[in-house]
Amino acid sequence: MKCLQLIIGPAGSGKSTYCPVMFDHFQSLHRALEIVNLDPAAETFNYTPSVDGQDGSGTNLLNASTGE
């Protein structure tokens, strides 16, 4: 079974704390997990995003719908 979690919220609400906890949990279950960071202002992570909004791959993902 595949699922998607979209983690959104204002600054300081715990998104960056929640994501590495879920990453560790999924790894302990031997389940695949992809983390996509769409926040270009996020500076540091306790995990490595599969796609990061601060590099070219994230920019391409964000601009795919506009064709820019």
N, C-alpha and C. Protein backbone atom coordinates (compact mmCIF):
# COMPACT_ATOMS: atom_id res chain seq x y z
N MET A 1 0.84 -1.17 0.00
CA MET A 1 0.00 0.00 0.00
C MET A 1 0.89 1.23 0.00
N LYS A 2 0.56 2.19 -0.83
CA LYS A 2 1.29 3.45 -0.89
C LYS A 2 0.46 4.53 -0.23
N CYS A 3 1.15 5.49 0.36
CA CYS A 3 0.43 6.61 0.98
C CYS A 3 1.24 7.88 0.80
N LEU A 4 0.62 8.99 1.07
CA LEU A 4 1.24 10.30 0.97
C LEU A 4 0.89 11.09 2.22
N GLN A 5 1.88 11.74 2.80
CA GLN A 5 1.65 12.68 3.88
C GLN A 5 2.14 14.03 3.40
N LEU A 6 1.30 15.02 3.48
CA LEU A 6 1.67 16.39 3.14
C LEU A 6 1.78 17.15 4.46
N ILE A 7 2.99 17.54 4.80
CA ILE A 7 3.24 18.20 6.07
C ILE A 7 3.34 19.70 5.81
N ILE A 8 2.36 20.44 6.28
CA ILE A 8 2.33 21.89 6.09
C ILE A 8 2.06 22.56 7.42
N GLY A 9 2.46 23.81 7.53
CA GLY A 9 2.20 24.58 8.74
C GLY A 9 3.09 25.80 8.78
N PRO A 10 2.77 26.72 9.68
CA PRO A 10 3.57 27.93 9.81
C PRO A 10 4.95 27.64 10.40
N ALA A 11 5.84 28.59 10.26
CA ALA A 11 7.18 28.46 10.83
C ALA A 11 7.09 28.17 12.33
N GLY A 12 7.90 27.22 12.79
CA GLY A 12 7.94 26.90 14.21
C GLY A 12 6.89 25.92 14.68
N SER A 13 6.14 25.33 13.74
CA SER A 13 5.05 24.43 14.15
C SER A 13 5.51 22.98 14.32
N GLY A 14 6.78 22.66 13.99
CA GLY A 14 7.30 21.32 14.21
C GLY A 14 7.46 20.45 12.98
N LYS A 15 7.33 21.03 11.81
CA LYS A 15 7.47 20.23 10.57
C LYS A 15 8.85 19.59 10.48
N SER A 16 9.89 20.36 10.77
CA SER A 16 11.26 19.86 10.66
C SER A 16 11.60 18.87 11.77
N THR A 17 10.85 18.87 12.84
CA THR A 17 11.02 17.87 13.91
C THR A 17 10.29 16.59 13.53
N TYR A 18 9.11 16.72 12.96
CA TYR A 18 8.27 15.57 12.60
C TYR A 18 8.91 14.72 11.49
N CYS A 19 9.45 15.36 10.46
CA CYS A 19 9.96 14.61 9.30
C CYS A 19 11.06 13.62 9.64
N PRO A 20 12.10 13.98 10.40
CA PRO A 20 13.12 12.97 10.71
C PRO A 20 12.60 11.85 11.62
N VAL A 21 11.63 12.14 12.47
CA VAL A 21 11.03 11.10 13.30
C VAL A 21 10.31 10.09 12.42
N MET A 22 9.55 10.57 11.44
CA MET A 22 8.86 9.66 10.52
C MET A 22 9.87 8.91 9.65
N PHE A 23 10.95 9.57 9.24
CA PHE A 23 11.99 8.92 8.45
C PHE A 23 12.57 7.74 9.23
N ASP A 24 12.92 7.96 10.50
CA ASP A 24 13.46 6.88 11.34
C ASP A 24 12.44 5.76 11.54
N HIS A 25 11.19 6.14 11.73
CA HIS A 25 10.13 5.14 11.93
C HIS A 25 9.97 4.25 10.68
N PHE A 26 9.93 4.87 9.52
CA PHE A 26 9.78 4.09 8.28
C PHE A 26 10.99 3.21 8.03
N GLN A 27 12.19 3.71 8.35
CA GLN A 27 13.38 2.88 8.19
C GLN A 27 13.35 1.68 9.13
N SER A 28 12.85 1.86 10.35
CA SER A 28 12.78 0.74 11.29
C SER A 28 11.80 -0.33 10.81
N LEU A 29 10.82 0.07 10.00
CA LEU A 29 9.85 -0.87 9.43
C LEU A 29 10.30 -1.42 8.08
N HIS A 30 11.47 -0.97 7.61
CA HIS A 30 12.00 -1.36 6.29
C HIS A 30 11.04 -0.98 5.17
N ARG A 31 10.46 0.22 5.29
CA ARG A 31 9.55 0.73 4.27
C ARG A 31 10.22 1.87 3.53
N ALA A 32 9.93 1.96 2.25
CA ALA A 32 10.49 3.03 1.43
C ALA A 32 9.86 4.37 1.81
N LEU A 33 10.67 5.41 1.74
CA LEU A 33 10.18 6.74 2.09
C LEU A 33 10.93 7.76 1.23
N GLU A 34 10.20 8.65 0.63
CA GLU A 34 10.78 9.76 -0.13
C GLU A 34 10.32 11.05 0.54
N ILE A 35 11.26 11.94 0.82
CA ILE A 35 10.93 13.24 1.40
C ILE A 35 11.24 14.30 0.36
N VAL A 36 10.25 15.14 0.07
CA VAL A 36 10.40 16.22 -0.89
C VAL A 36 10.26 17.53 -0.13
N ASN A 37 11.30 18.34 -0.17
CA ASN A 37 11.26 19.66 0.48
C ASN A 37 10.90 20.71 -0.57
N LEU A 38 9.77 21.36 -0.37
CA LEU A 38 9.34 22.42 -1.29
C LEU A 38 9.54 23.81 -0.68
N ASP A 39 10.18 23.88 0.48
CA ASP A 39 10.40 25.15 1.17
C ASP A 39 11.78 25.70 0.83
N PRO A 40 11.86 26.68 -0.06
CA PRO A 40 13.18 27.20 -0.44
C PRO A 40 13.87 27.95 0.69
N ALA A 41 13.16 28.29 1.76
CA ALA A 41 13.76 29.01 2.89
C ALA A 41 14.35 28.07 3.94
N ALA A 42 14.04 26.78 3.87
CA ALA A 42 14.57 25.83 4.85
C ALA A 42 16.08 25.72 4.67
N GLU A 43 16.82 25.89 5.78
CA GLU A 43 18.27 25.94 5.68
C GLU A 43 18.96 24.64 6.06
N THR A 44 18.49 23.98 7.10
CA THR A 44 19.15 22.75 7.56
C THR A 44 18.11 21.66 7.80
N PHE A 45 18.55 20.42 7.68
CA PHE A 45 17.67 19.28 7.88
C PHE A 45 18.39 18.25 8.75
N ASN A 46 17.63 17.45 9.48
CA ASN A 46 18.16 16.30 10.20
C ASN A 46 18.00 15.04 9.37
N TYR A 47 17.76 15.21 8.09
CA TYR A 47 17.56 14.13 7.13
C TYR A 47 17.95 14.68 5.76
N THR A 48 18.05 13.82 4.78
CA THR A 48 18.38 14.26 3.42
C THR A 48 17.14 14.13 2.55
N PRO A 49 16.58 15.26 2.08
CA PRO A 49 15.41 15.17 1.20
C PRO A 49 15.77 14.52 -0.13
N SER A 50 14.83 13.74 -0.67
CA SER A 50 15.03 13.14 -1.99
C SER A 50 15.03 14.21 -3.07
N VAL A 51 14.20 15.21 -2.89
CA VAL A 51 14.14 16.38 -3.78
C VAL A 51 14.13 17.60 -2.88
N ASP A 52 14.99 18.56 -3.18
CA ASP A 52 15.13 19.75 -2.34
C ASP A 52 14.76 20.99 -3.14
N GLY A 53 13.89 21.82 -2.59
CA GLY A 53 13.46 23.05 -3.24
C GLY A 53 14.57 24.07 -3.42
N GLN A 54 15.73 23.84 -2.79
CA GLN A 54 16.84 24.78 -2.91
C GLN A 54 17.80 24.43 -4.03
N ASP A 55 17.65 23.24 -4.63
CA ASP A 55 18.55 22.89 -5.73
C ASP A 55 17.77 22.83 -7.04
N GLY A 56 18.44 22.52 -8.11
CA GLY A 56 17.81 22.53 -9.44
C GLY A 56 16.64 21.59 -9.56
N SER A 57 16.70 20.41 -8.91
CA SER A 57 15.60 19.45 -9.04
C SER A 57 14.32 19.99 -8.43
N GLY A 58 14.44 20.69 -7.31
CA GLY A 58 13.26 21.27 -6.68
C GLY A 58 12.69 22.41 -7.50
N THR A 59 13.58 23.22 -8.05
CA THR A 59 13.14 24.33 -8.88
C THR A 59 12.38 23.81 -10.09
N ASN A 60 12.89 22.74 -10.72
CA ASN A 60 12.20 22.16 -11.87
C ASN A 60 10.84 21.63 -11.47
N LEU A 61 10.76 21.02 -10.29
CA LEU A 61 9.50 20.48 -9.81
C LEU A 61 8.51 21.61 -9.56
N LEU A 62 8.95 22.68 -8.93
CA LEU A 62 8.04 23.79 -8.61
C LEU A 62 7.57 24.52 -9.84
N ASN A 63 8.39 24.60 -10.87
CA ASN A 63 8.04 25.36 -12.07
C ASN A 63 7.42 24.51 -13.17
N ALA A 64 7.23 23.22 -12.93
CA ALA A 64 6.72 22.32 -13.97
C ALA A 64 5.34 22.75 -14.47
N SER A 65 4.50 23.23 -13.56
CA SER A 65 3.14 23.58 -13.97
C SER A 65 3.08 24.90 -14.73
N THR A 66 4.06 25.78 -14.54
CA THR A 66 4.03 27.08 -15.21
C THR A 66 4.82 27.08 -16.49
N GLY A 67 5.67 26.06 -16.70
CA GLY A 67 6.48 26.00 -17.91
C GLY A 67 7.68 26.91 -17.89
N GLU A 68 7.99 27.50 -16.73
CA GLU A 68 9.14 28.41 -16.62
C GLU A 68 10.43 27.64 -16.40
